[in-house]
Structure formats: C-alpha cells, structure tokens
Amino acid sequence: MKKQSGFTLIEIAIVLVIIGLLLGGVLKGQEMMTNAKIKRISNDFNGISAATFSYLDRYSSFPGDDPNAAARWTGTTSGDGNGVINNGERPDVWEHLRSSGLVAGTGNANPTHAFGGIIRVQANGAGITGTVICMFNMPGKTAEIIDRQVDDGNGNTGEFRQTVNSATYDQNATNLTVCKKL
C-alpha cells in the first residue's frame, strides 16, 4: 500500500476557522471606521453650530456677514450686515470664525468632512429657509443614518434635509448634499 499525504479534515477546519476570524475582524474594523466618520460628521454639525452662535453672541453678527470684521482683524473682509450670509460672503464665514479663534486654521477655504466633501455655512439650502450648514458629497447611507440620529429620518422634512427631492435616501449615492438648519 502507498501512503497518501495531504491535509486532514481537522487541519482544514482549523485553517477555515482562522480565515473566518480574520475576515470577521477586518469587517468589524471597517464598520468601526465608518461609525467613527459618522460620529465625526455629527460632531462637525454641532461644533460649527456652536462656533457660529458664539460668534453671533460675541459680535452681534453672523460670521461672513459681520460689517466690522475688517476693522477687527487686519486682512479680513467685512460683510454687509444685513443678517443673511449671501453668496459673496460664504468664504468669509470661515475667515471670520478662524480669525475669532472659534475654529482652527487660517484663511477662508471651506473645511472638509470625514468623507472628503466640503462644509459650507450659507443662507437657505435643501428647502430650508434661514442659515444652514451644508455638507457636499455625502454618501447616501451616511446621510440617512445622521438624519435618523438628529432628525426624523425623512430627507424632505425636518431640520436635516437632502437636496434631492425625496423622502428616502439613495443608499448607493456618493454625492448627496445635506443641509441642517442652524
């Protein structure tokens, strides 16, 4: 009789268990990273709201719309003081918040959120009237999760909305714009 060599059933089972544990760990790690990004975006909304209201309380004007900003900080641009952050004042929002020390950094470039899109404070957006915080290029699944956490889960109603005119979020979308009332 010839002796046959190969793997035993127990050896194959052990290898499969190890592969399963590794795959489970990788998938759980990816889920934890996504959850951390979602938490960061939620914190960004809250932090920007707090910074904007602190600025309003301190200087009696919205950042970007502040008519006295140029006199207060050299090299900054003043707004018109009409109580609305118009298109020309959008970049100045970040310059005013950063100059006042309420937001880290320098200049007037829009910051980015955890998924790489820009964050903008503006007047009106996604069907919400008033001052809003908008985040661009948001994944659909993420937008829906945040909406359920901070609002009603409907993309058309409440204080958190998407620009697409739909109550449901496109789970496959990677470029949604979502806005939250300030």
C-alpha atoms as a PDB file:
ATOM      1  CA  MET A   1       0.000   0.000   0.000  1.00  0.00           C
ATOM      2  CA  LYS A   2       1.133   3.504  -0.794  1.00  0.00           C
ATOM      3  CA  LYS A   3       0.969   6.117   1.885  1.00  0.00           C
ATOM      4  CA  GLN A   4      -1.098   9.111   0.759  1.00  0.00           C
ATOM      5  CA  SER A   5      -0.191  12.582   2.013  1.00  0.00           C
ATOM      6  CA  GLY A   6      -2.489  15.576   2.365  1.00  0.00           C
ATOM      7  CA  PHE A   7      -4.386  17.630   4.854  1.00  0.00           C
ATOM      8  CA  THR A   8      -6.633  16.073   7.414  1.00  0.00           C
ATOM      9  CA  LEU A   9     -10.158  17.268   7.968  1.00  0.00           C
ATOM     10  CA  ILE A  10      -9.152  18.775  11.305  1.00  0.00           C
ATOM     11  CA  GLU A  11      -6.315  20.779   9.718  1.00  0.00           C
ATOM     12  CA  ILE A  12      -8.647  22.153   7.033  1.00  0.00           C
ATOM     13  CA  ALA A  13     -11.250  23.058   9.682  1.00  0.00           C
ATOM     14  CA  ILE A  14      -8.644  24.937  11.746  1.00  0.00           C
ATOM     15  CA  VAL A  15      -7.497  26.922   8.684  1.00  0.00           C
ATOM     16  CA  LEU A  16     -11.105  27.804   7.807  1.00  0.00           C
ATOM     17  CA  VAL A  17     -11.778  28.980  11.375  1.00  0.00           C
ATOM     18  CA  ILE A  18      -8.679  31.196  11.299  1.00  0.00           C
ATOM     19  CA  ILE A  19      -9.681  32.688   7.918  1.00  0.00           C
ATOM     20  CA  GLY A  20     -13.191  33.325   9.258  1.00  0.00           C
ATOM     21  CA  LEU A  21     -11.828  35.103  12.332  1.00  0.00           C
ATOM     22  CA  LEU A  22      -9.559  37.285  10.185  1.00  0.00           C
ATOM     23  CA  LEU A  23     -12.405  38.233   7.836  1.00  0.00           C
ATOM     24  CA  GLY A  24     -14.693  38.978  10.759  1.00  0.00           C
ATOM     25  CA  GLY A  25     -12.046  41.220  12.309  1.00  0.00           C
ATOM     26  CA  VAL A  26     -11.488  43.126   9.063  1.00  0.00           C
ATOM     27  CA  LEU A  27     -15.226  43.659   8.526  1.00  0.00           C
ATOM     28  CA  LYS A  28     -15.728  44.773  12.128  1.00  0.00           C
ATOM     29  CA  GLY A  29     -12.788  47.174  11.768  1.00  0.00           C
ATOM     30  CA  GLN A  30     -14.301  48.713   8.636  1.00  0.00           C
ATOM     31  CA  GLU A  31     -17.637  49.114  10.407  1.00  0.00           C
ATOM     32  CA  MET A  32     -15.926  50.833  13.335  1.00  0.00           C
ATOM     33  CA  MET A  33     -14.134  53.229  10.971  1.00  0.00           C
ATOM     34  CA  THR A  34     -17.402  54.127   9.229  1.00  0.00           C
ATOM     35  CA  ASN A  35     -19.128  54.673  12.576  1.00  0.00           C
ATOM     36  CA  ALA A  36     -16.277  56.944  13.676  1.00  0.00           C
ATOM     37  CA  LYS A  37     -16.668  59.016  10.486  1.00  0.00           C
ATOM     38  CA  ILE A  38     -20.415  59.319  11.064  1.00  0.00           C
ATOM     39  CA  LYS A  39     -19.784  60.438  14.648  1.00  0.00           C
ATOM     40  CA  ARG A  40     -17.238  62.983  13.395  1.00  0.00           C
ATOM     41  CA  ILE A  41     -19.739  64.427  10.898  1.00  0.00           C
ATOM     42  CA  SER A  42     -22.380  64.697  13.600  1.00  0.00           C
ATOM     43  CA  ASN A  43     -19.834  66.456  15.824  1.00  0.00           C
ATOM     44  CA  ASP A  44     -18.911  68.783  12.930  1.00  0.00           C
ATOM     45  CA  PHE A  45     -22.547  69.901  12.619  1.00  0.00           C
ATOM     46  CA  ASN A  46     -22.721  70.557  16.364  1.00  0.00           C
ATOM     47  CA  GLY A  47     -19.312  72.245  16.538  1.00  0.00           C
ATOM     48  CA  ILE A  48     -19.986  74.570  13.607  1.00  0.00           C
ATOM     49  CA  SER A  49     -23.370  75.478  15.083  1.00  0.00           C
ATOM     50  CA  ALA A  50     -21.748  76.267  18.431  1.00  0.00           C
ATOM     51  CA  ALA A  51     -18.981  78.334  16.801  1.00  0.00           C
ATOM     52  CA  THR A  52     -21.476  80.282  14.677  1.00  0.00           C
ATOM     53  CA  PHE A  53     -23.734  81.060  17.639  1.00  0.00           C
ATOM     54  CA  SER A  54     -20.728  82.000  19.783  1.00  0.00           C
ATOM     55  CA  TYR A  55     -19.639  84.410  17.049  1.00  0.00           C
ATOM     56  CA  LEU A  56     -23.165  85.826  16.826  1.00  0.00           C
ATOM     57  CA  ASP A  57     -23.286  86.256  20.600  1.00  0.00           C
ATOM     58  CA  ARG A  58     -19.832  87.848  20.772  1.00  0.00           C
ATOM     59  CA  TYR A  59     -20.001  90.174  17.757  1.00  0.00           C
ATOM     60  CA  SER A  60     -23.788  90.578  17.192  1.00  0.00           C
ATOM     61  CA  SER A  61     -23.443  89.426  13.586  1.00  0.00           C
ATOM     62  CA  PHE A  62     -23.218  86.159  11.703  1.00  0.00           C
ATOM     63  CA  PRO A  63     -19.702  85.249  10.612  1.00  0.00           C
ATOM     64  CA  GLY A  64     -19.283  86.289   6.989  1.00  0.00           C
ATOM     65  CA  ASP A  65     -21.968  88.941   7.332  1.00  0.00           C
ATOM     66  CA  ASP A  66     -20.111  90.935  10.037  1.00  0.00           C
ATOM     67  CA  PRO A  67     -19.804  94.587   8.893  1.00  0.00           C
ATOM     68  CA  ASN A  68     -16.980  95.281  11.392  1.00  0.00           C
ATOM     69  CA  ALA A  69     -14.717  92.310  10.649  1.00  0.00           C
ATOM     70  CA  ALA A  70     -12.161  94.272   8.575  1.00  0.00           C
ATOM     71  CA  ALA A  71     -11.728  96.790  11.402  1.00  0.00           C
ATOM     72  CA  ARG A  72     -11.393  93.977  13.950  1.00  0.00           C
ATOM     73  CA  TRP A  73      -8.888  91.788  12.062  1.00  0.00           C
ATOM     74  CA  THR A  74      -6.388  93.062   9.523  1.00  0.00           C
ATOM     75  CA  GLY A  75      -6.668  91.369   6.145  1.00  0.00           C
ATOM     76  CA  THR A  76     -10.241  90.189   6.550  1.00  0.00           C
ATOM     77  CA  THR A  77     -13.276  91.214   4.546  1.00  0.00           C
ATOM     78  CA  SER A  78     -16.392  92.721   6.095  1.00  0.00           C
ATOM     79  CA  GLY A  79     -19.903  91.630   5.237  1.00  0.00           C
ATOM     80  CA  ASP A  80     -22.867  93.895   4.588  1.00  0.00           C
ATOM     81  CA  GLY A  81     -24.509  93.309   7.982  1.00  0.00           C
ATOM     82  CA  ASN A  82     -27.956  92.504   6.587  1.00  0.00           C
ATOM     83  CA  GLY A  83     -28.346  89.326   8.679  1.00  0.00           C
ATOM     84  CA  VAL A  84     -28.060  86.986   5.666  1.00  0.00           C
ATOM     85  CA  ILE A  85     -24.944  85.133   4.513  1.00  0.00           C
ATOM     86  CA  ASN A  86     -25.176  85.785   0.776  1.00  0.00           C
ATOM     87  CA  ASN A  87     -23.096  84.076  -1.932  1.00  0.00           C
ATOM     88  CA  GLY A  88     -20.276  86.637  -1.789  1.00  0.00           C
ATOM     89  CA  GLU A  89     -19.998  86.291   1.992  1.00  0.00           C
ATOM     90  CA  ARG A  90     -19.754  82.476   2.120  1.00  0.00           C
ATOM     91  CA  PRO A  91     -15.932  82.304   2.077  1.00  0.00           C
ATOM     92  CA  ASP A  92     -15.750  84.998   4.747  1.00  0.00           C
ATOM     93  CA  VAL A  93     -17.639  82.774   7.204  1.00  0.00           C
ATOM     94  CA  TRP A  94     -14.565  80.618   7.733  1.00  0.00           C
ATOM     95  CA  GLU A  95     -12.195  83.579   7.731  1.00  0.00           C
ATOM     96  CA  HIS A  96     -14.236  85.277  10.484  1.00  0.00           C
ATOM     97  CA  LEU A  97     -14.617  82.094  12.542  1.00  0.00           C
ATOM     98  CA  ARG A  98     -10.893  81.360  12.272  1.00  0.00           C
ATOM     99  CA  SER A  99      -9.842  84.961  12.982  1.00  0.00           C
ATOM    100  CA  SER A 100     -12.000  84.983  16.111  1.00  0.00           C
ATOM    101  CA  GLY A 101     -10.371  81.753  17.331  1.00  0.00           C
ATOM    102  CA  LEU A 102     -13.624  79.803  17.310  1.00  0.00           C
ATOM    103  CA  VAL A 103     -12.472  77.433  14.558  1.00  0.00           C
ATOM    104  CA  ALA A 104      -8.932  76.159  13.995  1.00  0.00           C
ATOM    105  CA  GLY A 105      -6.915  77.139  10.939  1.00  0.00           C
ATOM    106  CA  THR A 106      -6.354  80.211   8.808  1.00  0.00           C
ATOM    107  CA  GLY A 107      -7.814  81.628   5.631  1.00  0.00           C
ATOM    108  CA  ASN A 108     -11.210  81.307   4.059  1.00  0.00           C
ATOM    109  CA  ALA A 109     -11.078  77.844   2.477  1.00  0.00           C
ATOM    110  CA  ASN A 110     -14.046  75.580   3.181  1.00  0.00           C
ATOM    111  CA  PRO A 111     -13.161  72.738   5.548  1.00  0.00           C
ATOM    112  CA  THR A 112     -13.855  69.146   4.539  1.00  0.00           C
ATOM    113  CA  HIS A 113     -15.869  66.491   6.351  1.00  0.00           C
ATOM    114  CA  ALA A 114     -14.869  62.898   7.099  1.00  0.00           C
ATOM    115  CA  PHE A 115     -15.915  61.634   3.655  1.00  0.00           C
ATOM    116  CA  GLY A 116     -13.953  64.352   1.796  1.00  0.00           C
ATOM    117  CA  GLY A 117     -16.690  66.797   0.726  1.00  0.00           C
ATOM    118  CA  ILE A 118     -16.729  70.471   1.656  1.00  0.00           C
ATOM    119  CA  ILE A 119     -18.657  72.059   4.510  1.00  0.00           C
ATOM    120  CA  ARG A 120     -20.352  75.397   3.903  1.00  0.00           C
ATOM    121  CA  VAL A 121     -22.426  77.782   6.031  1.00  0.00           C
ATOM    122  CA  GLN A 122     -24.929  79.665   3.893  1.00  0.00           C
ATOM    123  CA  ALA A 123     -28.378  81.185   3.657  1.00  0.00           C
ATOM    124  CA  ASN A 124     -31.057  78.697   2.589  1.00  0.00           C
ATOM    125  CA  GLY A 125     -30.350  75.209   1.339  1.00  0.00           C
ATOM    126  CA  ALA A 126     -32.141  71.939   0.617  1.00  0.00           C
ATOM    127  CA  GLY A 127     -35.514  73.638   1.037  1.00  0.00           C
ATOM    128  CA  ILE A 128     -34.634  75.047   4.470  1.00  0.00           C
ATOM    129  CA  THR A 129     -35.074  78.795   4.882  1.00  0.00           C
ATOM    130  CA  GLY A 130     -32.550  80.603   7.052  1.00  0.00           C
ATOM    131  CA  THR A 131     -28.912  79.950   7.866  1.00  0.00           C
ATOM    132  CA  VAL A 132     -27.881  76.339   7.236  1.00  0.00           C
ATOM    133  CA  ILE A 133     -24.776  74.158   7.379  1.00  0.00           C
ATOM    134  CA  CYS A 134     -24.398  72.119   4.184  1.00  0.00           C
ATOM    135  CA  MET A 135     -22.094  69.179   3.582  1.00  0.00           C
ATOM    136  CA  PHE A 136     -21.407  68.176  -0.005  1.00  0.00           C
ATOM    137  CA  ASN A 137     -20.544  64.737  -1.474  1.00  0.00           C
ATOM    138  CA  MET A 138     -22.094  62.782   1.361  1.00  0.00           C
ATOM    139  CA  PRO A 139     -22.742  59.034   0.933  1.00  0.00           C
ATOM    140  CA  GLY A 140     -26.454  58.163   0.943  1.00  0.00           C
ATOM    141  CA  LYS A 141     -26.227  55.596   3.741  1.00  0.00           C
ATOM    142  CA  THR A 142     -24.347  58.051   5.946  1.00  0.00           C
ATOM    143  CA  ALA A 143     -26.834  60.861   5.311  1.00  0.00           C
ATOM    144  CA  GLU A 144     -29.725  58.606   6.255  1.00  0.00           C
ATOM    145  CA  ILE A 145     -28.036  57.456   9.477  1.00  0.00           C
ATOM    146  CA  ILE A 146     -27.299  61.039  10.525  1.00  0.00           C
ATOM    147  CA  ASP A 147     -30.847  62.109   9.659  1.00  0.00           C
ATOM    148  CA  ARG A 148     -32.226  59.354  11.885  1.00  0.00           C
ATOM    149  CA  GLN A 149     -29.879  60.409  14.712  1.00  0.00           C
ATOM    150  CA  VAL A 150     -30.516  64.161  14.637  1.00  0.00           C
ATOM    151  CA  ASP A 151     -33.938  64.482  12.996  1.00  0.00           C
ATOM    152  CA  ASP A 152     -36.849  62.465  11.630  1.00  0.00           C
ATOM    153  CA  GLY A 153     -35.150  60.162   9.083  1.00  0.00           C
ATOM    154  CA  ASN A 154     -37.055  61.759   6.194  1.00  0.00           C
ATOM    155  CA  GLY A 155     -34.884  63.524   3.589  1.00  0.00           C
ATOM    156  CA  ASN A 156     -37.634  66.064   2.782  1.00  0.00           C
ATOM    157  CA  THR A 157     -38.753  67.228   6.209  1.00  0.00           C
ATOM    158  CA  GLY A 158     -37.329  68.474   9.462  1.00  0.00           C
ATOM    159  CA  GLU A 159     -34.142  70.366  10.206  1.00  0.00           C
ATOM    160  CA  PHE A 160     -31.844  67.952   8.318  1.00  0.00           C
ATOM    161  CA  ARG A 161     -32.583  67.509   4.603  1.00  0.00           C
ATOM    162  CA  GLN A 162     -31.052  66.381   1.354  1.00  0.00           C
ATOM    163  CA  THR A 163     -31.107  68.479  -1.797  1.00  0.00           C
ATOM    164  CA  VAL A 164     -32.625  65.619  -3.807  1.00  0.00           C
ATOM    165  CA  ASN A 165     -36.405  65.992  -3.584  1.00  0.00           C
ATOM    166  CA  SER A 166     -37.072  62.616  -2.000  1.00  0.00           C
ATOM    167  CA  ALA A 167     -38.183  61.340   1.387  1.00  0.00           C
ATOM    168  CA  THR A 168     -35.838  58.348   1.088  1.00  0.00           C
ATOM    169  CA  TYR A 169     -32.081  58.434   0.680  1.00  0.00           C
ATOM    170  CA  ASP A 170     -30.374  56.756  -2.274  1.00  0.00           C
ATOM    171  CA  GLN A 171     -28.242  54.164  -0.497  1.00  0.00           C
ATOM    172  CA  ASN A 172     -25.854  53.960  -3.450  1.00  0.00           C
ATOM    173  CA  ALA A 173     -25.353  57.714  -3.844  1.00  0.00           C
ATOM    174  CA  THR A 174     -21.932  59.099  -3.028  1.00  0.00           C
ATOM    175  CA  ASN A 175     -22.561  62.745  -3.871  1.00  0.00           C
ATOM    176  CA  LEU A 176     -25.564  63.905  -1.845  1.00  0.00           C
ATOM    177  CA  THR A 177     -25.686  67.391  -0.414  1.00  0.00           C
ATOM    178  CA  VAL A 178     -27.285  67.543   3.003  1.00  0.00           C
ATOM    179  CA  CYS A 179     -28.109  70.654   4.998  1.00  0.00           C
ATOM    180  CA  LYS A 180     -29.053  71.205   8.622  1.00  0.00           C
ATOM    181  CA  LYS A 181     -30.769  74.265   9.994  1.00  0.00           C
ATOM    182  CA  LEU A 182     -28.508  76.303  12.207  1.00  0.00           C
END
